[in-house]
């Protein structure tokens, strides 16, 4: 089969911690030799992409980056434009693109629910950018059945499901580490209201004998720190934003992963925690498919239920251990190598179907 040329609308910079850009790098680095990949960078690129044959890394200037990206969209010789996002260049390209002339297939990935109005931190401008880019893609893929249903309900748009992946060779358990002197509970996520980091402080007050680690940054950080000082919570650690190796160390040191977020697609942090052998406590709201309730995780519908689950796990080391091992076994189905093979099959199928490819 001929080489398939893919332009990935993302950045290859290794120090960019954005989850979607990280997902794009994971997929690009694993595509086999049938695929020629082009993508952008402005800092130090991921070494895996530097070393990958058939990868074209497009260095962006310090200024006028949008013009350089748009030029690649318009004049690059690509069969597929992948991972389209709401950037100015993508919006401009999709607005002027003559489909009768442009034979490329534009692929979008939807990684959150699309009932944006329920989440006040998502501004009208952000929603418009998303609609002007994602909804103009030729074909859309959702990362969970809940996201797929949300997209259909909110916009009447069909999509196929391809889950988010996790690197199970990087995120691994530390089964033989010494026991923590105090139970260690970990939260990882942006500090925004819908993520529920305020519940971590409530849990710290209810369980003073445990230690709670909050990894992440966001608009709520000053408020949370002030509350911790006001309530004299000596058992809360604010670790800030961490690079992958340091984040992995935090997963390995923890005993329980507590993730009270209400509004998600398929959270990477749940997958990373499970890959590191942690039992997970999360909400039922978004029906997470990367965990199994009562087998690898305990799911709840309210703050009180989540705290009751924390009490149950805190007092039962055998349950923590069995759920952690089951979680590690389950999450191996979502390894990035497995997910990338799915994307390879999709790219081949789309190219064979030609420019008329679309969700049905």
Protein backbone atom coordinates (compact mmCIF):
# COMPACT_ATOMS: atom_id res chain seq x y z
CA UNK A 1 0.00 0.00 0.00
CA UNK A 2 1.21 3.53 -0.72
CA UNK A 3 2.40 5.81 2.05
CA UNK A 4 -0.37 7.72 3.82
CA UNK A 5 0.59 11.31 4.60
CA UNK A 6 -0.90 12.75 7.78
CA UNK A 7 -0.77 16.32 9.05
CA UNK A 8 -1.34 16.33 12.81
CA UNK A 9 -2.75 19.60 14.14
CA UNK A 10 -0.72 19.53 17.33
CA UNK A 11 2.69 20.33 18.79
CA UNK A 12 5.56 17.90 19.23
CA UNK A 13 7.19 19.81 22.11
CA UNK A 14 8.06 17.34 24.86
CA UNK A 15 7.41 19.76 27.74
CA UNK A 16 3.83 20.63 26.76
CA UNK A 17 1.62 18.97 29.40
CA UNK A 18 -1.72 19.55 27.64
CA UNK A 19 -3.52 16.21 27.66
CA UNK A 20 -4.70 16.39 24.04
CA UNK A 21 -1.24 17.27 22.74
CA UNK A 22 0.18 14.43 24.79
CA UNK A 23 -2.33 12.03 23.23
CA UNK A 24 -1.35 13.19 19.75
CA UNK A 25 2.35 12.62 20.49
CA UNK A 26 1.64 9.12 21.79
CA UNK A 27 -0.21 8.17 18.61
CA UNK A 28 2.30 9.77 16.23
CA UNK A 29 5.27 8.09 17.89
CA UNK A 30 3.70 4.63 17.43
CA UNK A 31 2.43 4.79 13.84
CA UNK A 32 4.14 2.24 11.63
CA UNK A 33 6.15 2.88 8.48
CA UNK A 34 3.08 3.14 6.23
CA UNK A 35 2.42 6.60 7.66
CA UNK A 36 4.35 9.78 6.98
CA UNK A 37 3.61 12.29 9.72
CA UNK A 38 3.98 16.08 9.73
CA UNK A 39 3.44 18.18 12.85
CA UNK A 40 4.65 21.41 14.46
CA UNK A 41 7.03 22.38 17.24
CA UNK A 42 8.41 25.55 18.79
CA UNK A 43 10.61 24.23 21.62
CA UNK A 44 12.41 20.93 22.14
CA UNK A 45 10.54 18.17 20.26
CA UNK A 46 9.73 14.79 21.75
CA UNK A 47 12.77 12.59 21.09
CA UNK A 48 10.55 9.70 19.99
CA UNK A 49 9.29 11.83 17.10
CA UNK A 50 12.78 13.05 16.25
CA UNK A 51 13.92 9.42 15.96
CA UNK A 52 10.83 8.13 14.15
CA UNK A 53 11.44 7.56 10.41
CA UNK A 54 8.97 9.33 8.16
CA UNK A 55 8.31 12.19 10.58
CA UNK A 56 8.50 15.79 9.41
CA UNK A 57 8.79 18.26 12.27
CA UNK A 58 7.89 21.80 11.21
CA UNK A 59 9.63 24.41 13.30
CA UNK A 60 7.48 27.46 13.97
CA UNK A 61 8.85 30.99 14.13
CA UNK A 62 8.54 32.99 17.34
CA UNK A 63 6.04 35.30 15.67
CA UNK A 64 3.28 34.73 13.11
CA UNK A 65 2.95 31.06 13.94
CA UNK A 66 -0.65 31.01 12.76
CA UNK A 67 0.39 32.02 9.24
CA UNK A 68 2.96 29.22 9.05
CA UNK A 69 0.46 26.64 10.30
CA UNK A 70 -2.22 27.90 7.92
CA UNK A 71 0.19 27.66 4.99
CA UNK A 72 0.76 24.00 5.82
CA UNK A 73 -2.99 23.41 6.03
CA UNK A 74 -3.58 25.03 2.66
CA UNK A 75 -0.60 23.89 0.62
CA UNK A 76 0.82 20.82 2.36
CA UNK A 77 0.56 17.53 0.48
CA UNK A 78 -1.40 15.44 2.95
CA UNK A 79 -4.02 12.72 2.66
CA UNK A 80 -5.41 13.26 6.17
CA UNK A 81 -5.55 16.20 8.55
CA UNK A 82 -5.75 14.64 12.03
CA UNK A 83 -6.55 15.90 15.51
CA UNK A 84 -8.09 19.12 14.27
CA UNK A 85 -8.66 21.63 17.08
CA UNK A 86 -10.06 25.12 17.55
CA UNK A 87 -6.90 27.01 16.66
CA UNK A 88 -7.05 30.19 14.51
CA UNK A 89 -5.26 28.40 11.67
CA UNK A 90 -7.62 25.42 11.70
CA UNK A 91 -10.70 27.67 11.81
CA UNK A 92 -9.42 29.75 8.90
CA UNK A 93 -8.55 26.66 6.84
CA UNK A 94 -11.93 25.02 7.39
CA UNK A 95 -13.74 28.27 6.58
CA UNK A 96 -12.12 28.70 3.15
CA UNK A 97 -11.56 25.07 2.25
CA UNK A 98 -13.25 24.13 -1.06
CA UNK A 99 -14.25 20.50 -0.51
CA UNK A 100 -14.63 19.87 -4.24
CA UNK A 101 -10.95 20.75 -4.66
CA UNK A 102 -9.41 19.79 -1.32
CA UNK A 103 -9.20 15.99 -1.33
CA UNK A 104 -7.81 15.68 2.19
CA UNK A 105 -9.91 14.04 4.90
CA UNK A 106 -10.21 16.11 8.06
CA UNK A 107 -10.46 14.03 11.24
CA UNK A 108 -11.58 15.46 14.59
CA UNK A 109 -11.39 13.84 18.01
CA UNK A 110 -13.95 14.71 20.70
CA UNK A 111 -12.54 14.15 24.18
CA UNK A 112 -15.10 15.74 26.45
CA UNK A 113 -18.86 15.93 26.75
CA UNK A 114 -20.37 18.59 24.52
CA UNK A 115 -23.08 19.93 26.84
CA UNK A 116 -20.78 22.91 27.34
CA UNK A 117 -23.46 25.16 28.83
CA UNK A 118 -23.37 23.24 32.13
CA UNK A 119 -19.71 24.14 32.69
CA UNK A 120 -19.24 27.87 33.41
CA UNK A 121 -15.45 27.80 32.98
CA UNK A 122 -15.96 27.13 29.26
CA UNK A 123 -16.55 30.54 27.69
CA UNK A 124 -18.83 31.29 24.73
CA UNK A 125 -15.72 32.14 22.71
CA UNK A 126 -14.24 28.70 23.42
CA UNK A 127 -17.49 27.03 22.39
CA UNK A 128 -17.64 29.01 19.13
CA UNK A 129 -14.04 28.07 18.29
CA UNK A 130 -14.83 24.42 18.94
CA UNK A 131 -17.95 24.54 16.76
CA UNK A 132 -16.17 26.36 13.91
CA UNK A 133 -13.46 23.72 13.80
CA UNK A 134 -14.68 20.37 15.08
CA UNK A 135 -18.12 20.47 13.50
CA UNK A 136 -16.56 21.19 10.10
CA UNK A 137 -14.41 18.05 10.18
CA UNK A 138 -15.27 15.33 7.67
CA UNK A 139 -15.35 12.62 10.31
CA UNK A 140 -15.45 12.67 14.11
CA UNK A 141 -14.30 10.19 16.73
CA UNK A 142 -15.36 10.22 20.39
CA UNK A 143 -13.25 8.72 23.15
CA UNK A 144 -16.14 7.12 25.09
CA UNK A 145 -19.75 6.08 24.64
CA UNK A 146 -20.86 8.92 26.94
CA UNK A 147 -19.05 11.48 24.80
CA UNK A 148 -20.53 9.91 21.68
CA UNK A 149 -24.05 10.19 23.15
CA UNK A 150 -23.45 13.78 24.23
CA UNK A 151 -22.27 14.80 20.76
CA UNK A 152 -25.34 13.22 19.19
CA UNK A 153 -27.74 14.78 21.69
CA UNK A 154 -26.25 18.30 21.64
CA UNK A 155 -25.37 18.61 17.95
CA UNK A 156 -27.06 15.71 16.17
CA UNK A 157 -23.65 14.50 14.97
CA UNK A 158 -22.66 10.83 14.77
CA UNK A 159 -19.19 9.63 15.71
CA UNK A 160 -17.21 6.45 16.05
CA UNK A 161 -15.56 5.51 19.36
CA UNK A 162 -11.80 5.19 19.78
CA UNK A 163 -10.74 5.27 23.44
CA UNK A 164 -7.95 7.36 24.86
CA UNK A 165 -4.86 5.30 25.63
CA UNK A 166 -2.24 5.06 28.35
CA UNK A 167 1.42 4.07 28.25
CA UNK A 168 1.43 0.95 30.42
CA UNK A 169 5.18 0.53 29.99
CA UNK A 170 5.79 3.97 31.50
CA UNK A 171 3.03 4.00 34.12
CA UNK A 172 3.75 0.87 36.12
CA UNK A 173 3.04 -0.21 39.70
CA UNK A 174 5.56 -0.29 42.55
CA UNK A 175 4.11 -3.40 44.12
CA UNK A 176 7.10 -4.01 46.38
CA UNK A 177 7.50 -0.49 47.83
CA UNK A 178 7.45 -0.15 51.62
CA UNK A 179 4.08 0.68 53.16
CA UNK A 180 3.40 4.36 53.76
CA UNK A 181 3.48 5.42 57.42
CA UNK A 182 0.18 7.23 56.72
CA UNK A 183 -2.40 6.32 54.11
CA UNK A 184 -1.66 8.45 51.02
CA UNK A 185 -4.57 9.66 48.86
CA UNK A 186 -3.84 11.30 45.50
CA UNK A 187 -5.79 13.72 43.31
CA UNK A 188 -4.52 14.78 39.86
CA UNK A 189 -6.31 17.36 37.73
CA UNK A 190 -6.78 21.02 36.96
CA UNK A 191 -8.02 22.98 39.96
CA UNK A 192 -11.38 24.02 38.54
CA UNK A 193 -14.81 23.65 40.16
CA UNK A 194 -16.10 20.77 38.02
CA UNK A 195 -13.00 18.69 38.87
CA UNK A 196 -14.06 18.74 42.53
CA UNK A 197 -10.72 19.47 44.24
CA UNK A 198 -12.65 21.08 47.11
CA UNK A 199 -13.75 17.59 48.13
CA UNK A 200 -10.10 16.67 48.77
CA UNK A 201 -10.00 19.26 51.57
CA UNK A 202 -13.25 17.95 52.99
CA UNK A 203 -11.78 14.44 52.92
CA UNK A 204 -8.60 15.67 54.63
CA UNK A 205 -10.71 17.09 57.46
CA UNK A 206 -12.70 13.87 57.83
CA UNK A 207 -9.62 11.62 57.67
CA UNK A 208 -6.87 13.45 59.61
CA UNK A 209 -4.85 10.25 59.91
CA UNK A 210 -4.34 10.15 56.10
CA UNK A 211 -2.22 12.32 53.83
CA UNK A 212 -3.75 13.99 50.76
CA UNK A 213 -1.69 15.07 47.74
CA UNK A 214 -3.14 17.49 45.18
CA UNK A 215 -1.32 17.57 41.83
CA UNK A 216 -2.37 20.30 39.44
CA UNK A 217 -2.85 24.02 38.98
CA UNK A 218 -5.83 26.22 38.20
CA UNK A 219 -8.10 29.07 39.15
CA UNK A 220 -9.12 27.48 42.46
CA UNK A 221 -5.59 27.07 43.82
CA UNK A 222 -5.47 30.30 45.91
CA UNK A 223 -8.91 29.56 47.37
CA UNK A 224 -7.97 25.96 48.22
CA UNK A 225 -4.68 26.96 49.83
CA UNK A 226 -6.42 29.61 51.89
CA UNK A 227 -9.06 27.13 53.02
CA UNK A 228 -6.34 24.67 53.99
CA UNK A 229 -4.63 27.33 56.11
CA UNK A 230 -7.89 28.51 57.63
CA UNK A 231 -8.95 24.98 58.58
CA UNK A 232 -5.41 24.09 59.73
CA UNK A 233 -5.23 21.07 57.47
CA UNK A 234 -1.70 19.81 58.05
CA UNK A 235 -2.32 16.67 56.01
CA UNK A 236 -2.73 18.33 52.57
CA UNK A 237 0.17 18.74 50.13
CA UNK A 238 -0.12 21.00 47.08
CA UNK A 239 2.38 19.53 44.61
CA UNK A 240 1.62 21.83 41.65
CA UNK A 241 1.91 20.70 38.04
CA UNK A 242 4.33 17.81 37.51
CA UNK A 243 6.18 16.45 34.50
CA UNK A 244 5.47 12.81 33.59
CA UNK A 245 8.27 11.13 35.54
CA UNK A 246 7.48 13.05 38.72
CA UNK A 247 3.76 12.40 38.24
CA UNK A 248 4.44 8.68 37.88
CA UNK A 249 6.35 8.77 41.15
CA UNK A 250 3.32 10.29 42.87
CA UNK A 251 1.05 7.55 41.54
CA UNK A 252 3.50 4.92 42.76
CA UNK A 253 3.71 6.45 46.24
CA UNK A 254 -0.07 6.69 46.67
CA UNK A 255 -2.47 4.13 48.13
CA UNK A 256 -5.76 5.44 46.67
CA UNK A 257 -6.66 7.67 43.73
CA UNK A 258 -9.57 10.00 44.49
CA UNK A 259 -11.02 11.80 41.47
CA UNK A 260 -14.31 13.61 42.22
CA UNK A 261 -14.71 15.31 38.83
CA UNK A 262 -18.28 15.52 37.49
CA UNK A 263 -17.80 16.49 33.84
CA UNK A 264 -15.40 14.37 31.81
CA UNK A 265 -14.84 12.40 28.67
CA UNK A 266 -12.40 9.61 29.48
CA UNK A 267 -9.93 11.04 32.01
CA UNK A 268 -6.29 10.13 31.39
CA UNK A 269 -5.49 10.44 35.07
CA UNK A 270 -7.83 7.58 35.97
CA UNK A 271 -6.03 5.42 33.42
CA UNK A 272 -2.58 6.41 34.64
CA UNK A 273 -3.57 5.70 38.23
CA UNK A 274 -4.95 2.28 37.29
CA UNK A 275 -1.81 1.50 35.27
CA UNK A 276 0.20 2.22 38.43
CA UNK A 277 -1.92 -0.25 40.39
CA UNK A 278 -4.10 2.19 42.34
CA UNK A 279 -7.72 1.56 43.29
CA UNK A 280 -9.82 4.44 41.95
CA UNK A 281 -12.68 6.38 43.52
CA UNK A 282 -14.60 8.39 40.93
CA UNK A 283 -18.08 9.59 39.97
CA UNK A 284 -20.74 7.75 38.02
CA UNK A 285 -21.77 10.93 36.20
CA UNK A 286 -19.76 10.40 33.00
CA UNK A 287 -19.84 6.57 33.13
CA UNK A 288 -16.08 5.97 32.97
CA UNK A 289 -15.35 2.90 30.85
CA UNK A 290 -11.70 2.53 31.81
CA UNK A 291 -12.66 1.31 35.29
CA UNK A 292 -15.10 -1.35 36.49
CA UNK A 293 -17.27 -0.46 39.47
CA UNK A 294 -16.67 -2.67 42.53
CA UNK A 295 -13.85 -4.49 40.72
CA UNK A 296 -11.18 -1.90 39.87
CA UNK A 297 -12.91 1.18 41.29
CA UNK A 298 -15.68 2.43 43.53
CA UNK A 299 -18.01 4.84 41.75
CA UNK A 300 -20.37 7.23 43.51
CA UNK A 301 -23.08 9.72 42.68
CA UNK A 302 -22.51 12.22 45.49
CA UNK A 303 -19.75 13.69 47.61
CA UNK A 304 -20.93 11.73 50.65
CA UNK A 305 -20.86 8.48 48.69
CA UNK A 306 -17.31 9.15 47.52
CA UNK A 307 -16.22 9.82 51.08
CA UNK A 308 -17.90 6.60 52.24
CA UNK A 309 -15.96 4.74 49.53
CA UNK A 310 -12.79 6.37 50.82
CA UNK A 311 -13.58 5.14 54.31
CA UNK A 312 -14.12 1.60 53.00
CA UNK A 313 -10.83 1.54 51.10
CA UNK A 314 -8.89 3.28 53.86
CA UNK A 315 -9.71 0.53 56.33
CA UNK A 316 -9.10 -2.44 54.02
CA UNK A 317 -5.60 -2.96 52.65
CA UNK A 318 -6.55 -6.28 51.04
CA UNK A 319 -9.36 -4.58 49.09
CA UNK A 320 -7.00 -1.84 47.94
CA UNK A 321 -4.52 -4.42 46.78
CA UNK A 322 -7.03 -6.60 44.91
CA UNK A 323 -8.69 -3.63 43.20
CA UNK A 324 -5.33 -2.19 42.23
CA UNK A 325 -4.22 -5.44 40.61
CA UNK A 326 -7.55 -5.82 38.79
CA UNK A 327 -7.28 -2.23 37.61
CA UNK A 328 -3.81 -2.79 36.21
CA UNK A 329 -4.98 -5.90 34.32
CA UNK A 330 -8.05 -4.10 32.92
CA UNK A 331 -6.20 -0.98 31.79
CA UNK A 332 -3.74 -2.97 29.66
CA UNK A 333 -6.58 -3.22 27.11
CA UNK A 334 -6.15 0.53 26.63
CA UNK A 335 -2.40 0.60 26.07
CA UNK A 336 -1.39 3.16 23.44
CA UNK A 337 0.05 0.40 21.24
CA UNK A 338 -3.40 -1.20 21.07
CA UNK A 339 -5.18 2.12 20.49
CA UNK A 340 -2.70 3.19 17.80
CA UNK A 341 -3.38 -0.01 15.84
CA UNK A 342 -7.04 1.07 15.83
CA UNK A 343 -6.07 4.47 14.43
CA UNK A 344 -3.92 2.85 11.74
CA UNK A 345 -6.87 0.75 10.59
CA UNK A 346 -9.06 3.86 10.54
CA UNK A 347 -6.56 5.90 8.50
CA UNK A 348 -6.28 3.13 5.91
CA UNK A 349 -10.06 2.78 5.74
CA UNK A 350 -10.60 6.52 5.32
CA UNK A 351 -8.05 6.83 2.54
CA UNK A 352 -9.56 3.89 0.71
CA UNK A 353 -13.02 5.44 0.97
CA UNK A 354 -11.66 8.75 -0.32
CA UNK A 355 -12.71 12.37 0.22
CA UNK A 356 -16.35 11.51 0.77
CA UNK A 357 -15.53 9.73 4.04
CA UNK A 358 -17.88 10.80 6.81
CA UNK A 359 -19.66 9.49 9.89
CA UNK A 360 -22.92 7.76 9.11
